Amino acid sequence: MAENNILQFNGNTAKIVLEQLVNILDSLPPADRLDEALHIISTWSALESKAIALTYAAWSYIVEGRLWKYRYHNLEALQDELDRDYSIRKTLDQYDTLTNRQELELRGIAKHWGPDPIHALPEKIQPPWLGHNLLSALNRLSKSGSQEECIPLLEQAIEERLARHKTRKCHYIVASDVYSIIYRLEGIKQTLRQSSTSQGMW
């Protein structure tokens, strides 16, 4: 499901959203429901991390521009109000954790695929946001082969998803595309190991 489709959930309670989600998943072939559910989880995770980054950027802008002075006695008064309504202190603390995790995964990818590995991907499949789940999957995939070897696999995974799903039409890579390749490669390696073991018994 593309990000814009996920945002179309219009229920105002958890129960209504659950009912909408069940209806969407039930409309898919049974074999596709797990992939779709996992994609929803990873997409919401990416949206959450983007919200954390935007909240941090907006707060930093307020602090650096001393914008609080136009309505509040001091910065602490504004922060207390935002903390009551939006738990902003928790969100600001999460920003450091988020950036550290992203940088760790990017360093892991760059170790195998070279510097700036994301921008080295074909532009048409570059994701609009680098959520941790996607970066973690790419880091894992980068250990299985060079970027030149993996790009055709990524493009193939996207094509297969677009052909299979009616609701998820984003043409850039998502975490589920990467994991489908990882599981496929791991299955091939497992088959080869079993074949080698069987041959060694004779």
Protein backbone atom coordinates (compact mmCIF):
# COMPACT_ATOMS: atom_id res chain seq x y z
CA MET A 1 0.00 0.00 0.00
CA ALA A 2 1.50 3.31 -1.00
CA GLU A 3 2.00 5.97 1.64
CA ASN A 4 -0.81 8.15 0.33
CA ASN A 5 -3.23 5.21 0.46
CA ILE A 6 -2.31 4.47 4.05
CA LEU A 7 -3.08 8.05 4.97
CA GLN A 8 -6.60 7.56 3.64
CA PHE A 9 -7.58 5.62 6.76
CA ASN A 10 -10.21 8.04 8.04
CA GLY A 11 -11.43 6.39 11.22
CA ASN A 12 -11.37 8.48 14.38
CA THR A 13 -11.06 5.50 16.74
CA ALA A 14 -8.75 2.50 16.87
CA LYS A 15 -11.71 0.16 16.38
CA ILE A 16 -12.81 1.84 13.14
CA VAL A 17 -9.27 1.86 11.74
CA LEU A 18 -8.96 -1.83 12.60
CA GLU A 19 -12.18 -2.60 10.76
CA GLN A 20 -10.98 -0.65 7.69
CA LEU A 21 -7.66 -2.47 7.73
CA VAL A 22 -9.30 -5.88 8.02
CA ASN A 23 -11.58 -5.09 5.07
CA ILE A 24 -8.59 -4.09 2.93
CA LEU A 25 -6.53 -7.15 3.82
CA ASP A 26 -9.49 -9.52 3.43
CA SER A 27 -9.98 -8.22 -0.12
CA LEU A 28 -6.50 -9.48 -1.13
CA PRO A 29 -5.55 -13.04 -2.08
CA PRO A 30 -4.60 -14.96 1.10
CA ALA A 31 -0.98 -15.40 -0.06
CA ASP A 32 -0.55 -11.61 -0.33
CA ARG A 33 -2.00 -10.60 3.04
CA LEU A 34 1.17 -11.09 5.10
CA ASP A 35 3.28 -8.96 2.74
CA GLU A 36 0.64 -6.22 2.81
CA ALA A 37 0.36 -6.25 6.60
CA LEU A 38 4.16 -6.12 6.97
CA HIS A 39 4.31 -3.27 4.48
CA ILE A 40 1.77 -1.29 6.48
CA ILE A 41 3.86 -1.75 9.62
CA SER A 42 7.09 -0.65 7.91
CA THR A 43 5.38 2.32 6.21
CA TRP A 44 3.91 3.60 9.46
CA SER A 45 7.34 3.20 11.04
CA ALA A 46 8.82 5.35 8.27
CA LEU A 47 6.06 7.95 8.71
CA GLU A 48 6.72 8.04 12.44
CA SER A 49 10.45 8.57 11.96
CA LYS A 50 9.72 11.35 9.45
CA ALA A 51 7.37 12.98 11.98
CA ILE A 52 10.12 12.84 14.62
CA ALA A 53 12.59 14.52 12.26
CA LEU A 54 10.10 17.24 11.29
CA THR A 55 9.18 17.89 14.92
CA TYR A 56 12.86 18.27 15.82
CA ALA A 57 13.43 20.62 12.87
CA ALA A 58 10.42 22.79 13.79
CA TRP A 59 11.45 22.93 17.45
CA SER A 60 15.03 23.86 16.53
CA TYR A 61 13.71 26.65 14.30
CA ILE A 62 11.59 28.01 17.16
CA VAL A 63 14.55 27.94 19.55
CA GLU A 64 17.09 29.45 17.18
CA GLY A 65 14.70 32.20 16.08
CA ARG A 66 13.48 32.84 19.63
CA LEU A 67 9.94 32.65 18.26
CA TRP A 68 8.50 31.72 21.64
CA LYS A 69 8.85 35.34 22.81
CA TYR A 70 5.88 36.43 20.69
CA ARG A 71 3.41 34.46 22.83
CA TYR A 72 5.11 33.00 25.91
CA HIS A 73 7.05 34.38 28.86
CA ASN A 74 9.89 31.96 28.27
CA LEU A 75 10.87 28.89 26.27
CA GLU A 76 10.11 26.55 29.16
CA ALA A 77 6.46 27.65 29.21
CA LEU A 78 6.07 26.73 25.54
CA GLN A 79 7.85 23.41 26.04
CA ASP A 80 5.62 22.56 29.01
CA GLU A 81 2.51 23.24 26.93
CA LEU A 82 3.77 21.17 24.00
CA ASP A 83 4.77 18.40 26.34
CA ARG A 84 1.23 18.22 27.76
CA ASP A 85 -0.33 18.12 24.29
CA TYR A 86 2.27 16.26 22.22
CA SER A 87 4.90 14.78 24.60
CA ILE A 88 7.50 16.83 22.76
CA ARG A 89 10.35 16.06 25.17
CA LYS A 90 9.98 12.36 24.37
CA THR A 91 9.92 13.11 20.64
CA LEU A 92 13.04 15.27 20.85
CA ASP A 93 14.84 12.52 22.75
CA GLN A 94 13.80 10.02 20.07
CA TYR A 95 15.46 12.18 17.40
CA ASP A 96 18.96 11.38 18.63
CA THR A 97 18.17 7.66 18.72
CA LEU A 98 16.68 7.85 15.22
CA THR A 99 19.63 9.66 13.65
CA ASN A 100 22.16 7.37 15.35
CA ARG A 101 20.39 4.27 14.03
CA GLN A 102 20.12 5.72 10.52
CA GLU A 103 23.80 6.65 10.46
CA LEU A 104 24.78 3.19 11.71
CA GLU A 105 22.80 1.45 8.97
CA LEU A 106 24.09 3.84 6.29
CA ARG A 107 27.69 3.15 7.34
CA GLY A 108 27.00 -0.56 7.07
CA ILE A 109 25.58 -0.18 3.57
CA ALA A 110 28.46 2.08 2.48
CA LYS A 111 30.96 -0.52 3.71
CA HIS A 112 29.75 -2.93 1.02
CA TRP A 113 28.28 -0.64 -1.64
CA GLY A 114 30.60 2.35 -1.46
CA PRO A 115 30.00 5.96 -0.42
CA ASP A 116 26.55 7.53 -0.88
CA PRO A 117 24.95 4.16 -1.76
CA ILE A 118 21.34 5.41 -1.75
CA HIS A 119 21.92 8.12 -4.37
CA ALA A 120 23.79 5.56 -6.46
CA LEU A 121 20.51 3.68 -6.93
CA PRO A 122 18.52 4.47 -10.10
CA GLU A 123 16.55 7.64 -9.40
CA LYS A 124 13.21 6.02 -10.22
CA ILE A 125 13.53 3.53 -7.35
CA GLN A 126 15.06 5.84 -4.73
CA PRO A 127 12.75 6.04 -1.70
CA PRO A 128 11.42 9.46 -0.61
CA TRP A 129 12.33 8.73 2.99
CA LEU A 130 14.91 6.43 4.57
CA GLY A 131 13.07 4.74 7.41
CA HIS A 132 15.05 2.54 9.77
CA ASN A 133 13.30 -0.64 8.60
CA LEU A 134 14.29 0.02 4.98
CA LEU A 135 17.86 0.95 5.88
CA SER A 136 18.19 -2.16 8.05
CA ALA A 137 16.97 -4.33 5.17
CA LEU A 138 19.35 -2.68 2.68
CA ASN A 139 22.25 -3.10 5.10
CA ARG A 140 21.45 -6.80 5.33
CA LEU A 141 21.12 -7.10 1.55
CA SER A 142 24.39 -5.26 0.92
CA LYS A 143 26.22 -8.14 2.60
CA SER A 144 24.86 -10.56 -0.01
CA GLY A 145 26.22 -8.92 -3.15
CA SER A 146 27.49 -5.77 -4.83
CA GLN A 147 25.16 -2.88 -5.57
CA GLU A 148 25.47 -3.62 -9.30
CA GLU A 149 24.28 -7.18 -8.66
CA CYS A 150 21.45 -6.13 -6.34
CA ILE A 151 19.94 -3.28 -8.40
CA PRO A 152 18.36 -5.62 -11.00
CA LEU A 153 16.97 -7.72 -8.13
CA LEU A 154 15.45 -4.62 -6.54
CA GLU A 155 13.89 -3.54 -9.82
CA GLN A 156 12.50 -7.03 -10.34
CA ALA A 157 11.04 -7.10 -6.81
CA ILE A 158 9.28 -3.78 -7.44
CA GLU A 159 7.83 -5.05 -10.72
CA GLU A 160 6.58 -8.22 -9.04
CA ARG A 161 4.94 -6.20 -6.26
CA LEU A 162 3.27 -3.83 -8.70
CA ALA A 163 1.89 -6.78 -10.65
CA ARG A 164 0.69 -8.55 -7.52
CA HIS A 165 -0.87 -5.82 -5.41
CA LYS A 166 -3.76 -3.57 -6.28
CA THR A 167 -3.32 -1.19 -3.37
CA ARG A 168 0.43 -0.62 -3.24
CA LYS A 169 1.55 1.19 -6.38
CA CYS A 170 4.65 3.09 -5.24
CA HIS A 171 7.42 2.62 -7.80
CA TYR A 172 10.28 3.15 -5.34
CA ILE A 173 11.77 0.46 -3.13
CA VAL A 174 10.09 -0.38 0.15
CA ALA A 175 11.35 -2.62 2.92
CA SER A 176 9.18 -5.55 1.83
CA ASP A 177 10.84 -5.51 -1.62
CA VAL A 178 14.26 -5.83 -0.04
CA TYR A 179 13.20 -8.56 2.37
CA SER A 180 11.65 -10.57 -0.46
CA ILE A 181 15.09 -10.62 -2.13
CA ILE A 182 16.85 -11.50 1.12
CA TYR A 183 14.52 -14.43 1.81
CA ARG A 184 14.89 -15.62 -1.80
CA LEU A 185 18.69 -15.51 -1.62
CA GLU A 186 18.71 -17.23 1.77
CA GLY A 187 16.45 -19.95 0.35
CA ILE A 188 18.85 -20.50 -2.54
CA LYS A 189 21.83 -20.72 -0.17
CA GLN A 190 19.95 -23.18 2.04
CA THR A 191 19.13 -25.37 -0.98
CA LEU A 192 22.76 -25.31 -2.11
CA ARG A 193 23.97 -26.27 1.37
CA GLN A 194 21.53 -29.15 1.55
CA SER A 195 22.55 -30.30 -1.93
CA SER A 196 26.24 -30.15 -0.98
CA THR A 197 25.58 -32.10 2.23
CA SER A 198 23.62 -34.76 0.35
CA GLN A 199 26.38 -35.19 -2.23
CA GLY A 200 28.96 -35.50 0.54
CA MET A 201 27.09 -38.48 1.97
CA TRP A 202 27.70 -40.54 -1.16
